[in-house]
N, C-alpha and C. Protein backbone atom coordinates (compact mmCIF):
# COMPACT_ATOMS: atom_id res chain seq x y z
N PRO A 1 101.65 87.94 81.14
CA PRO A 1 101.52 88.36 82.45
C PRO A 1 100.43 87.06 83.55
N HIS A 2 100.49 87.05 84.45
CA HIS A 2 99.60 85.93 85.42
C HIS A 2 98.29 87.05 85.30
N ARG A 3 97.08 86.49 84.75
CA ARG A 3 95.81 87.15 84.89
C ARG A 3 95.19 86.82 85.88
N ASP A 4 95.52 87.49 87.11
CA ASP A 4 94.79 87.56 88.29
C ASP A 4 93.90 88.49 88.85
N GLY A 5 93.91 89.66 87.83
CA GLY A 5 92.61 90.46 88.48
C GLY A 5 93.50 91.73 88.92
N ARG A 6 94.66 91.41 89.69
CA ARG A 6 94.91 92.02 90.59
C ARG A 6 95.45 93.56 89.76
N LEU A 7 95.11 94.85 90.07
CA LEU A 7 95.09 95.87 89.98
C LEU A 7 95.62 97.00 91.62
N PRO A 8 96.62 97.10 91.94
CA PRO A 8 96.89 97.56 93.32
C PRO A 8 96.76 99.11 93.13
N HIS A 9 96.10 100.10 94.06
CA HIS A 9 96.25 101.45 94.03
C HIS A 9 97.60 101.64 93.06
N GLY A 10 97.72 102.61 92.28
CA GLY A 10 98.54 103.39 91.77
C GLY A 10 98.97 102.23 90.52
N PHE A 11 97.63 101.89 89.51
CA PHE A 11 97.71 100.72 88.45
C PHE A 11 98.62 101.52 87.40
N MET A 12 98.29 102.90 87.14
CA MET A 12 98.36 103.44 85.78
C MET A 12 99.41 104.35 85.65
N TYR A 13 98.84 105.84 86.07
CA TYR A 13 100.06 106.61 86.20
C TYR A 13 101.17 106.39 87.56
N LEU A 14 100.82 105.90 88.69
CA LEU A 14 101.80 105.73 89.45
C LEU A 14 102.80 104.65 89.04
N ARG A 15 101.75 103.76 88.16
CA ARG A 15 102.94 102.52 88.05
C ARG A 15 104.08 103.34 87.01
N LEU A 16 103.83 103.93 86.25
CA LEU A 16 104.90 104.98 85.30
C LEU A 16 106.05 105.47 86.16
N LEU A 17 105.43 106.14 87.26
CA LEU A 17 106.74 106.66 88.39
C LEU A 17 107.37 105.33 89.10
N ASP A 18 106.77 104.52 89.83
CA ASP A 18 107.65 103.42 90.17
C ASP A 18 108.39 102.87 89.19
N LEU A 19 108.21 102.76 87.81
CA LEU A 19 108.71 102.00 86.66
C LEU A 19 110.22 102.95 86.50
N ARG A 20 110.10 104.11 86.30
CA ARG A 20 110.82 105.01 85.82
C ARG A 20 111.62 105.73 86.90
N GLY A 21 110.86 106.14 88.03
CA GLY A 21 111.10 106.94 89.35
C GLY A 21 110.86 108.60 88.83
N PHE A 22 110.36 108.86 90.13
CA PHE A 22 109.70 110.32 89.87
C PHE A 22 110.56 111.33 88.59
N GLU A 23 111.96 111.65 88.85
CA GLU A 23 112.50 112.65 88.31
C GLU A 23 112.35 112.18 86.68
N GLU A 24 113.10 111.03 86.64
CA GLU A 24 113.21 110.44 85.36
C GLU A 24 111.62 110.40 84.19
N ALA A 25 110.70 110.10 85.00
CA ALA A 25 109.22 110.22 84.89
C ALA A 25 108.60 111.46 84.36
N MET A 26 109.16 112.39 85.09
CA MET A 26 108.83 113.99 85.12
C MET A 26 109.89 114.61 83.78
N THR A 27 111.02 114.38 83.83
CA THR A 27 111.59 114.48 82.35
C THR A 27 111.17 113.88 81.43
N ASP A 28 110.59 112.35 81.26
CA ASP A 28 110.16 112.15 80.07
C ASP A 28 108.78 112.52 79.77
N PHE A 29 107.99 113.26 80.85
CA PHE A 29 106.55 113.87 80.33
C PHE A 29 107.07 115.05 79.82
N ALA A 30 108.10 115.76 80.34
CA ALA A 30 108.58 117.02 79.78
C ALA A 30 109.21 116.94 78.34
N GLU A 31 109.93 115.84 77.81
CA GLU A 31 110.87 116.25 76.85
C GLU A 31 109.90 115.09 75.63
N GLU A 32 109.24 114.00 76.19
CA GLU A 32 108.28 113.42 75.31
C GLU A 32 108.87 112.77 74.18
N PRO A 33 110.18 111.66 74.71
CA PRO A 33 110.85 110.78 73.71
C PRO A 33 109.67 109.55 73.59
N PRO A 34 109.62 109.23 72.44
CA PRO A 34 108.99 107.96 71.99
C PRO A 34 108.82 106.85 72.92
N GLU A 35 109.83 106.58 73.79
CA GLU A 35 109.94 105.17 74.80
C GLU A 35 109.11 105.71 75.99
N LEU A 36 108.40 106.92 76.05
CA LEU A 36 107.54 107.27 77.02
C LEU A 36 105.99 106.50 76.47
N GLN A 37 105.74 106.67 75.00
CA GLN A 37 104.27 105.83 74.77
C GLN A 37 104.76 104.57 74.88
N MET A 38 105.80 103.88 74.92
CA MET A 38 106.36 102.78 74.21
C MET A 38 105.79 101.97 76.15
N LEU A 39 106.10 102.45 76.74
CA LEU A 39 106.14 102.29 78.47
C LEU A 39 104.68 102.84 78.51
N ILE A 40 104.04 103.42 78.44
CA ILE A 40 102.68 103.46 78.47
C ILE A 40 101.56 102.50 77.89
N ASP A 41 102.05 102.01 76.62
CA ASP A 41 101.43 101.33 76.41
C ASP A 41 101.36 99.72 76.62
N ASN A 42 102.71 99.60 77.41
CA ASN A 42 102.80 98.40 77.88
C ASN A 42 102.39 97.93 79.26
N VAL A 43 102.15 99.21 79.90
CA VAL A 43 101.79 99.13 81.14
C VAL A 43 100.02 99.26 80.88
N LEU A 44 99.50 99.94 79.61
CA LEU A 44 97.97 99.78 79.67
C LEU A 44 97.46 98.29 78.80
N GLU A 45 98.21 97.70 78.35
CA GLU A 45 97.87 96.67 77.72
C GLU A 45 97.86 95.34 78.78
N TYR A 46 98.80 95.54 79.96
CA TYR A 46 98.64 94.70 81.04
C TYR A 46 97.74 94.83 81.78
N ASN A 47 97.44 96.55 82.31
CA ASN A 47 96.06 96.80 83.05
C ASN A 47 94.59 96.15 82.29
N CYS A 48 95.02 96.41 80.99
CA CYS A 48 93.62 95.69 80.29
C CYS A 48 93.57 93.90 80.28
N LEU A 49 94.49 93.13 80.33
CA LEU A 49 94.46 91.79 80.35
C LEU A 49 94.00 91.53 82.10
N GLN A 50 94.26 92.46 82.69
CA GLN A 50 93.87 92.23 84.59
C GLN A 50 92.41 92.67 84.65
N ILE A 51 91.94 93.61 83.73
CA ILE A 51 90.25 94.05 84.14
C ILE A 51 89.81 92.91 83.43
N GLU A 52 90.18 92.43 81.50
CA GLU A 52 89.70 91.22 81.56
C GLU A 52 89.03 89.82 82.40
N ALA A 53 90.25 89.52 82.91
CA ALA A 53 90.18 88.87 83.69
C ALA A 53 89.45 88.49 84.91
N VAL A 54 88.45 89.68 85.41
CA VAL A 54 87.86 89.95 86.20
C VAL A 54 86.58 90.53 86.35
N VAL A 55 86.45 91.04 85.29
CA VAL A 55 85.02 92.41 85.17
C VAL A 55 83.84 91.53 85.20
N ASP A 56 84.00 90.15 84.38
CA ASP A 56 82.60 89.41 83.91
C ASP A 56 82.16 89.12 85.85
N ARG A 57 83.10 88.67 86.29
CA ARG A 57 82.80 88.41 87.57
C ARG A 57 82.57 89.17 88.89
N ALA A 58 82.87 90.66 88.45
CA ALA A 58 82.63 91.42 89.37
C ALA A 58 81.23 91.90 89.65
N GLY A 59 81.09 92.82 90.83
CA GLY A 59 79.74 93.05 90.88
C GLY A 59 79.31 93.88 90.12
N ALA A 60 78.52 95.00 90.96
CA ALA A 60 77.50 96.26 89.59
C ALA A 60 78.61 97.26 89.78
N TYR A 61 79.91 97.34 90.40
CA TYR A 61 80.82 98.43 89.95
C TYR A 61 82.08 97.59 90.11
N MET A 62 83.37 98.21 89.45
CA MET A 62 84.74 97.92 90.08
C MET A 62 85.26 99.26 90.54
N THR A 63 86.33 99.08 91.32
CA THR A 63 86.91 99.95 92.02
C THR A 63 88.43 100.44 91.51
N PHE A 64 88.76 101.70 91.38
CA PHE A 64 90.22 101.80 90.97
C PHE A 64 90.61 102.81 91.55
N GLY A 65 91.89 102.83 92.11
CA GLY A 65 92.48 103.83 92.54
C GLY A 65 93.95 104.29 92.15
N ASP A 66 94.25 105.53 91.75
CA ASP A 66 95.35 106.20 91.17
C ASP A 66 95.68 107.70 91.53
N ASP A 67 96.95 108.10 92.44
CA ASP A 67 96.53 109.37 93.09
C ASP A 67 97.40 110.20 91.60
N LEU A 68 96.49 110.69 91.03
CA LEU A 68 96.77 111.78 89.68
C LEU A 68 97.53 112.63 90.00
N GLY A 69 96.99 113.14 91.61
CA GLY A 69 97.56 115.03 91.64
C GLY A 69 98.26 114.96 93.03
N MET A 70 98.87 116.27 92.99
CA MET A 70 99.82 116.65 93.92
C MET A 70 99.00 117.40 94.91
N GLN A 71 99.63 118.17 96.03
CA GLN A 71 98.89 119.01 96.70
C GLN A 71 98.58 120.39 95.92
N SER A 72 98.70 120.66 94.64
CA SER A 72 98.49 121.79 94.24
C SER A 72 98.37 121.73 92.95
N GLY A 73 98.05 120.61 92.00
CA GLY A 73 97.73 120.40 91.11
C GLY A 73 98.27 118.96 90.29
N LEU A 74 98.69 118.87 89.03
CA LEU A 74 99.26 117.94 88.42
C LEU A 74 100.61 118.05 88.05
N ALA A 75 101.34 117.01 88.51
CA ALA A 75 102.99 117.13 88.30
C ALA A 75 103.30 117.32 86.74
N ILE A 76 102.27 116.67 85.91
CA ILE A 76 102.74 116.96 84.96
C ILE A 76 101.52 117.81 83.59
N GLY A 77 100.95 118.39 84.53
CA GLY A 77 100.10 119.40 83.70
C GLY A 77 99.11 118.82 83.39
N ALA A 78 97.68 119.35 83.20
CA ALA A 78 96.25 118.99 82.49
C ALA A 78 96.55 118.65 80.90
N PRO A 79 97.31 119.71 80.35
CA PRO A 79 97.46 119.21 78.81
C PRO A 79 98.29 118.23 78.33
N ARG A 80 99.03 117.50 79.00
CA ARG A 80 99.94 116.09 79.00
C ARG A 80 99.63 114.86 79.46
N TRP A 81 98.55 115.60 80.32
CA TRP A 81 97.58 114.40 81.36
C TRP A 81 96.36 113.85 80.30
N ARG A 82 95.96 114.88 79.39
CA ARG A 82 95.10 114.48 78.52
C ARG A 82 95.42 113.72 77.46
N LYS A 83 96.84 114.46 77.01
CA LYS A 83 97.60 113.39 75.82
C LYS A 83 97.64 112.30 75.90
N TYR A 84 98.22 112.25 76.97
CA TYR A 84 98.83 110.36 77.31
C TYR A 84 97.89 110.00 78.24
N MET A 85 97.37 110.04 78.93
CA MET A 85 96.93 109.30 80.52
C MET A 85 95.18 109.31 80.23
N TYR A 86 94.48 110.53 79.21
CA TYR A 86 93.20 110.28 79.45
C TYR A 86 93.00 109.00 78.58
N PRO A 87 93.47 108.63 77.43
CA PRO A 87 93.09 107.62 76.67
C PRO A 87 93.47 106.13 77.16
N CYS A 88 94.33 106.04 78.40
CA CYS A 88 94.34 104.84 79.03
C CYS A 88 93.30 104.57 79.69
N TYR A 89 92.73 105.52 80.04
CA TYR A 89 91.97 105.27 81.35
C TYR A 89 90.04 104.94 80.54
N LYS A 90 90.36 105.69 79.43
CA LYS A 90 89.27 105.68 79.03
C LYS A 90 89.13 104.13 78.16
N LYS A 91 90.12 103.69 77.10
CA LYS A 91 90.25 102.40 77.02
C LYS A 91 90.03 101.12 78.25
N MET A 92 90.72 101.55 79.45
CA MET A 92 90.09 100.42 80.42
C MET A 92 88.54 100.68 80.72
N TYR A 93 88.34 101.60 81.09
CA TYR A 93 87.18 101.81 81.93
C TYR A 93 86.23 101.24 80.70
N ASP A 94 86.09 101.60 79.43
CA ASP A 94 85.09 100.95 78.47
C ASP A 94 85.23 99.81 78.24
N ILE A 95 86.17 98.67 78.75
CA ILE A 95 86.12 97.54 79.01
C ILE A 95 84.86 97.49 80.33
N VAL A 96 84.98 98.14 81.49
CA VAL A 96 84.22 97.74 82.49
C VAL A 96 82.72 98.16 81.81
N HIS A 97 82.55 99.10 81.32
CA HIS A 97 81.19 99.55 81.02
C HIS A 97 80.90 98.63 79.89
N GLY A 98 81.37 98.34 79.01
CA GLY A 98 81.04 97.33 78.08
C GLY A 98 80.53 96.02 78.44
N ARG A 99 80.91 95.52 80.00
CA ARG A 99 80.27 94.33 80.82
C ARG A 99 79.12 94.95 81.74
N SER A 100 78.66 95.98 81.40
CA SER A 100 77.04 96.60 81.80
C SER A 100 77.67 96.80 83.66
N LYS A 101 78.91 97.46 83.84
CA LYS A 101 79.31 97.90 85.14
C LYS A 101 79.87 99.44 85.35
N LEU A 102 80.05 99.65 86.18
CA LEU A 102 80.09 101.08 86.71
C LEU A 102 81.80 101.02 87.14
N VAL A 103 81.88 102.67 87.32
CA VAL A 103 83.68 102.74 87.55
C VAL A 103 83.62 103.41 88.89
N TYR A 104 84.24 103.08 89.95
CA TYR A 104 84.56 104.22 90.92
C TYR A 104 86.05 104.43 91.32
N MET A 105 86.45 105.37 91.29
CA MET A 105 87.62 105.70 91.33
C MET A 105 88.08 106.47 92.30
N HIS A 106 89.00 106.36 92.74
CA HIS A 106 89.75 107.18 94.07
C HIS A 106 91.00 107.73 93.59
N THR A 107 91.45 108.99 94.02
CA THR A 107 92.47 109.71 93.21
C THR A 107 92.81 111.00 94.47
N ASP A 108 93.73 110.59 94.69
CA ASP A 108 94.69 111.71 95.91
C ASP A 108 95.08 112.89 94.81
N GLY A 109 94.94 113.88 95.79
CA GLY A 109 95.57 115.36 95.15
C GLY A 109 94.41 116.04 94.78
N ARG A 110 95.26 117.21 94.28
CA ARG A 110 94.07 118.23 93.57
C ARG A 110 94.06 117.83 91.95
N ILE A 111 92.50 117.50 91.52
CA ILE A 111 92.42 116.97 90.60
C ILE A 111 91.66 118.09 89.80
N ILE A 112 91.05 118.94 90.32
CA ILE A 112 90.04 119.84 89.92
C ILE A 112 90.21 119.64 88.02
N ASP A 113 91.13 120.47 87.46
CA ASP A 113 91.47 120.58 86.33
C ASP A 113 91.02 119.30 85.33
N ILE A 114 90.88 118.22 85.68
CA ILE A 114 90.74 116.68 85.02
C ILE A 114 89.45 116.16 85.25
N ILE A 115 88.54 116.73 86.12
CA ILE A 115 87.52 116.18 86.42
C ILE A 115 86.22 115.83 85.36
N ASP A 116 86.09 116.85 84.79
CA ASP A 116 85.35 116.39 83.44
C ASP A 116 86.17 115.75 82.78
N ASP A 117 87.16 115.60 82.53
CA ASP A 117 87.93 114.51 81.54
C ASP A 117 87.76 112.88 82.29
N LEU A 118 87.86 112.89 83.62
CA LEU A 118 87.50 111.27 84.34
C LEU A 118 86.29 110.97 83.99
N LYS A 119 85.21 112.02 84.16
CA LYS A 119 83.83 111.95 83.76
C LYS A 119 83.68 110.99 82.36
N ALA A 120 84.20 112.00 81.15
CA ALA A 120 84.15 111.49 80.16
C ALA A 120 84.95 110.42 80.05
N ALA A 121 85.95 109.99 80.50
CA ALA A 121 86.62 108.64 80.28
C ALA A 121 86.07 107.22 81.01
N GLY A 122 84.65 108.07 82.02
CA GLY A 122 84.29 106.52 82.41
C GLY A 122 84.11 106.60 83.45
N VAL A 123 84.42 107.16 84.75
CA VAL A 123 84.43 107.21 85.82
C VAL A 123 82.89 107.67 86.00
N ASN A 124 82.32 106.91 87.03
CA ASN A 124 80.68 107.09 87.37
C ASN A 124 80.46 107.53 88.77
N MET A 125 81.73 107.18 89.55
CA MET A 125 81.48 108.10 91.10
C MET A 125 82.88 108.20 91.52
N LEU A 126 83.44 109.44 91.70
CA LEU A 126 85.10 109.72 92.08
C LEU A 126 85.40 109.91 93.69
N ASN A 127 86.25 109.51 94.07
CA ASN A 127 86.49 109.80 95.37
C ASN A 127 87.90 110.74 95.60
N PRO A 128 87.46 112.08 95.83
CA PRO A 128 88.07 112.82 95.60
C PRO A 128 88.67 113.35 97.32
N GLN A 129 89.79 114.23 97.73
CA GLN A 129 90.02 114.88 98.34
C GLN A 129 89.87 116.24 98.90
N TYR A 130 89.33 116.37 100.31
CA TYR A 130 88.41 117.59 100.64
C TYR A 130 89.76 118.91 100.51
N ARG A 131 90.69 118.55 101.29
CA ARG A 131 92.09 119.39 101.33
C ARG A 131 92.74 119.98 100.01
N ALA A 132 93.14 118.96 99.17
CA ALA A 132 93.76 119.37 97.83
C ALA A 132 92.89 120.02 97.19
N ASN A 133 91.44 120.06 97.16
CA ASN A 133 90.55 120.54 95.89
C ASN A 133 89.80 121.44 96.20
N GLY A 134 89.54 121.90 97.56
CA GLY A 134 88.91 122.72 98.26
C GLY A 134 87.16 122.56 98.07
N LEU A 135 86.68 122.94 99.10
CA LEU A 135 85.12 122.32 98.97
C LEU A 135 84.21 123.29 97.90
N GLY A 136 84.57 124.67 97.47
CA GLY A 136 83.78 125.14 96.76
C GLY A 136 83.99 124.69 94.98
N ASP A 137 85.61 124.46 95.30
CA ASP A 137 85.58 124.16 93.54
C ASP A 137 84.90 122.82 93.05
N LEU A 138 84.75 121.83 94.40
CA LEU A 138 84.33 120.21 94.46
C LEU A 138 83.13 120.61 93.83
N VAL A 139 82.09 121.52 94.83
CA VAL A 139 80.70 121.76 94.45
C VAL A 139 80.70 122.36 93.08
N ARG A 140 81.29 123.04 92.47
CA ARG A 140 81.24 123.97 91.13
C ARG A 140 81.68 122.57 90.56
N THR A 141 82.64 121.78 90.75
CA THR A 141 82.62 120.95 89.60
C THR A 141 81.95 119.46 89.43
N CYS A 142 81.20 119.47 90.46
CA CYS A 142 80.74 118.24 90.76
C CYS A 142 79.57 117.87 91.12
N LYS A 143 78.57 118.90 91.71
CA LYS A 143 77.42 118.70 92.34
C LYS A 143 76.57 118.78 91.16
N GLY A 144 75.72 117.69 91.00
CA GLY A 144 74.92 117.58 89.93
C GLY A 144 75.51 116.84 88.71
N ARG A 145 76.77 116.81 88.48
CA ARG A 145 76.91 116.45 87.38
C ARG A 145 77.66 115.10 87.55
N MET A 146 78.37 114.79 88.88
CA MET A 146 78.99 113.35 88.72
C MET A 146 78.95 112.94 90.62
N PRO A 147 78.35 111.84 90.75
CA PRO A 147 78.49 111.58 92.23
C PRO A 147 79.91 111.37 93.00
N ILE A 148 79.94 111.84 94.04
CA ILE A 148 81.46 111.93 94.62
C ILE A 148 81.21 111.21 96.04
N ASN A 149 82.12 110.62 96.47
CA ASN A 149 82.60 109.99 97.73
C ASN A 149 83.49 111.07 98.18
N LEU A 150 83.38 111.83 98.83
CA LEU A 150 84.26 112.66 99.35
C LEU A 150 85.16 112.67 100.64
N ASP A 151 86.29 112.34 100.46
CA ASP A 151 87.57 112.25 101.56
C ASP A 151 87.64 113.43 102.54
N LEU A 152 86.94 113.10 103.39
CA LEU A 152 86.86 114.32 104.62
C LEU A 152 88.44 114.64 104.70
N ASP A 153 88.33 116.01 105.19
CA ASP A 153 89.85 116.46 105.47
C ASP A 153 90.68 115.91 106.61
N ARG A 154 91.41 114.69 106.53
CA ARG A 154 92.56 113.91 107.43
C ARG A 154 93.44 114.69 107.75
N GLN A 155 94.13 115.90 107.05
CA GLN A 155 95.00 116.82 107.84
C GLN A 155 94.32 117.58 109.01
N LEU A 156 93.08 117.93 108.72
CA LEU A 156 92.35 118.48 109.99
C LEU A 156 91.96 117.58 111.40
N PHE A 157 91.43 116.36 111.14
CA PHE A 157 91.13 115.68 112.27
C PHE A 157 92.46 115.64 113.41
N PRO A 158 93.59 115.35 113.27
CA PRO A 158 94.61 115.31 113.97
C PRO A 158 94.69 116.68 115.34
N PHE A 159 94.31 117.42 114.78
CA PHE A 159 94.58 118.93 115.56
C PHE A 159 93.32 119.40 115.76
N ALA A 160 92.17 119.01 115.68
CA ALA A 160 90.94 119.53 115.59
C ALA A 160 90.08 119.14 117.09
N SER A 161 89.30 120.77 117.11
CA SER A 161 88.30 120.19 118.47
C SER A 161 87.34 119.66 117.84
N LYS A 162 86.50 119.04 118.81
CA LYS A 162 85.20 118.60 118.57
C LYS A 162 84.25 119.41 117.91
N GLN A 163 83.92 120.64 118.18
CA GLN A 163 83.29 121.42 117.15
C GLN A 163 83.68 121.63 115.79
N ASP A 164 84.85 121.74 115.68
CA ASP A 164 85.77 121.70 114.45
C ASP A 164 85.10 120.73 113.35
N VAL A 165 85.19 119.58 114.15
CA VAL A 165 84.65 118.13 113.54
C VAL A 165 83.27 118.39 113.05
N GLU A 166 82.58 118.70 113.78
CA GLU A 166 81.25 118.65 113.43
C GLU A 166 81.01 119.91 112.48
N ASP A 167 81.33 120.80 112.52
CA ASP A 167 81.33 121.80 111.80
C ASP A 167 81.63 121.76 109.88
N HIS A 168 83.05 120.89 109.84
CA HIS A 168 83.41 120.49 108.85
C HIS A 168 82.47 119.29 108.39
N ILE A 169 82.21 118.63 109.04
CA ILE A 169 81.30 117.76 108.32
C ILE A 169 79.86 118.03 107.78
N ARG A 170 79.40 119.08 108.77
CA ARG A 170 77.98 119.08 108.43
C ARG A 170 78.30 120.38 107.20
N GLU A 171 79.22 121.01 106.96
CA GLU A 171 79.26 122.01 105.92
C GLU A 171 79.31 121.44 104.68
N CYS A 172 80.46 120.19 104.33
CA CYS A 172 80.41 119.33 103.68
C CYS A 172 78.74 118.48 102.76
N VAL A 173 78.36 118.19 104.32
CA VAL A 173 76.62 117.83 103.76
C VAL A 173 75.70 118.68 103.13
N GLU A 174 75.69 119.87 103.94
CA GLU A 174 74.72 121.08 103.30
C GLU A 174 75.02 121.44 102.11
N ALA A 175 76.50 121.47 101.88
CA ALA A 175 77.30 122.23 100.32
C ALA A 175 76.65 121.10 99.07
N PHE A 176 76.81 119.85 99.62
CA PHE A 176 76.45 119.03 98.80
C PHE A 176 74.97 118.25 98.35
N TYR A 177 74.49 118.41 99.75
CA TYR A 177 72.95 118.00 99.68
C TYR A 177 72.11 118.41 98.40
N MET A 178 71.34 117.00 97.71
CA MET A 178 70.57 117.40 96.94
C MET A 178 69.38 115.96 96.88
N PRO A 179 68.27 116.46 97.08
CA PRO A 179 67.34 115.44 97.52
C PRO A 179 67.38 113.90 96.49
N GLU A 180 67.91 114.19 95.35
CA GLU A 180 68.18 112.96 94.83
C GLU A 180 69.47 111.83 95.10
N GLY A 181 70.23 112.58 95.80
CA GLY A 181 71.48 111.74 96.26
C GLY A 181 72.81 112.40 95.47
N GLY A 182 73.57 111.31 95.40
CA GLY A 182 74.69 111.12 94.86
C GLY A 182 75.92 111.89 95.35
N PHE A 183 76.24 111.82 97.06
CA PHE A 183 77.18 112.09 97.58
C PHE A 183 77.41 110.95 98.87
N GLY A 184 78.58 111.00 98.90
CA GLY A 184 78.99 110.46 100.22
C GLY A 184 80.16 110.91 100.93
N LEU A 185 80.28 110.39 102.12
CA LEU A 185 81.52 110.70 102.87
C LEU A 185 82.12 109.38 103.12
N SER A 186 83.55 109.72 102.82
CA SER A 186 84.88 108.69 103.14
C SER A 186 85.52 109.15 104.33
N LEU A 187 85.45 108.64 105.54
CA LEU A 187 86.22 108.87 106.58
C LEU A 187 87.55 108.14 107.16
N GLU A 188 88.40 108.63 106.76
CA GLU A 188 89.89 107.95 107.18
C GLU A 188 90.39 108.43 108.60
N LEU A 189 90.40 107.96 109.59
CA LEU A 189 91.00 108.19 110.69
C LEU A 189 92.20 107.57 111.17
N ASN A 190 93.62 108.09 111.28
CA ASN A 190 94.64 107.38 111.48
C ASN A 190 95.21 107.54 112.96
N MET A 191 96.00 106.92 112.97
CA MET A 191 96.56 106.61 114.45
C MET A 191 96.82 107.71 115.20
N GLU A 192 97.12 109.08 114.38
CA GLU A 192 97.22 110.16 115.17
C GLU A 192 96.28 111.06 115.67
N VAL A 193 94.93 110.22 115.15
CA VAL A 193 93.87 111.14 115.64
C VAL A 193 93.15 110.76 117.26
N PRO A 194 93.25 112.04 117.89
CA PRO A 194 92.97 111.41 119.26
C PRO A 194 91.40 110.89 119.53
N LEU A 195 91.20 110.00 120.22
CA LEU A 195 89.91 109.18 120.41
C LEU A 195 88.93 109.88 120.84
N ASP A 196 88.48 110.59 121.33
CA ASP A 196 87.49 111.72 121.62
C ASP A 196 87.23 112.31 120.24
N ILE A 197 88.18 112.58 119.28
CA ILE A 197 87.53 112.94 118.01
C ILE A 197 87.29 111.92 117.19
N ILE A 198 87.80 111.00 117.01
CA ILE A 198 87.23 109.34 116.52
C ILE A 198 86.01 109.24 116.78
N GLU A 199 85.35 109.32 118.02
CA GLU A 199 83.90 109.24 118.20
C GLU A 199 83.55 110.34 118.03
N THR A 200 83.72 111.53 117.93
CA THR A 200 82.88 112.57 117.51
C THR A 200 83.05 112.30 115.84
N ALA A 201 83.96 112.27 115.09
CA ALA A 201 83.94 112.15 114.08
C ALA A 201 82.66 111.34 113.33
N ILE A 202 82.71 109.77 113.88
CA ILE A 202 81.82 108.63 113.77
C ILE A 202 80.43 109.01 113.89
N ALA A 203 80.14 109.74 115.17
CA ALA A 203 78.87 109.80 115.50
C ALA A 203 78.01 110.93 114.53
N THR A 204 79.17 112.38 114.42
CA THR A 204 78.73 113.07 113.84
C THR A 204 78.02 112.89 112.04
N VAL A 205 78.88 111.81 111.18
CA VAL A 205 78.92 111.06 110.25
C VAL A 205 77.64 110.51 110.60
N ASP A 206 77.19 109.68 111.41
CA ASP A 206 76.42 108.84 111.77
C ASP A 206 74.72 110.18 111.55
N LYS A 207 75.09 111.06 112.34
CA LYS A 207 73.92 112.18 112.68
C LYS A 207 73.69 112.47 111.19
N TYR A 208 74.42 113.17 110.27
CA TYR A 208 73.66 113.37 108.68
C TYR A 208 73.68 111.94 107.73
N ARG A 209 73.83 111.18 108.13
CA ARG A 209 73.35 110.03 107.56
C ARG A 209 71.63 110.41 106.35
N PHE A 210 70.96 110.96 107.51
CA PHE A 210 69.76 110.93 106.77
C PHE A 210 69.23 112.33 106.68
N TYR A 211 70.39 113.27 106.65
CA TYR A 211 70.01 114.81 106.48
C TYR A 211 69.15 115.17 105.60
N LYS A 212 68.22 115.76 105.48
CA LYS A 212 67.33 116.81 104.68
C LYS A 212 67.09 118.19 104.69
N LYS A 213 67.10 118.79 103.72
CA LYS A 213 66.48 120.21 103.95
C LYS A 213 65.15 120.52 104.04
């Protein structure tokens, strides 16, 4: 492959789905033919070459994005994810750690069941979704164990009042606050969000930047 270091969003798991199509990929994971591992190995080899091409000139960390979950869980289930996908991320992130760099990973969907596995695979900071995972489960799974950059509730903002937005951001900050840090907020505002709600969201995030109990 042309070693330009490009690893687009959906570089491993979603690339399998892109190459096979969703239904065919789900059938592969269900029936587990030998060709599934062959495809995984090919994609993994390509990704490792791309990481090697850029890791030495990366900054303190490398960013990766791959949506592993759906709205209510993993499409392939946690056991098959651990069997087929965990070794891939572990091998790729070992390359990054081998150069004394850190790993920041974005993933959409409900991934509560594999957060410990992602940590074991080498993720140093995770960017999970509030809505898909739930604040309580994220606090239980991550607080004090893995730094997270929380993707605030994008599905709330188009329909929220200003008070709803303020309450949502305050609740998240208060729930995750630790004096030593380890928590960030990711605010994504799309075109359907009213301007006054955008202003409120930005002002509220700014207000809580230096929050302390």
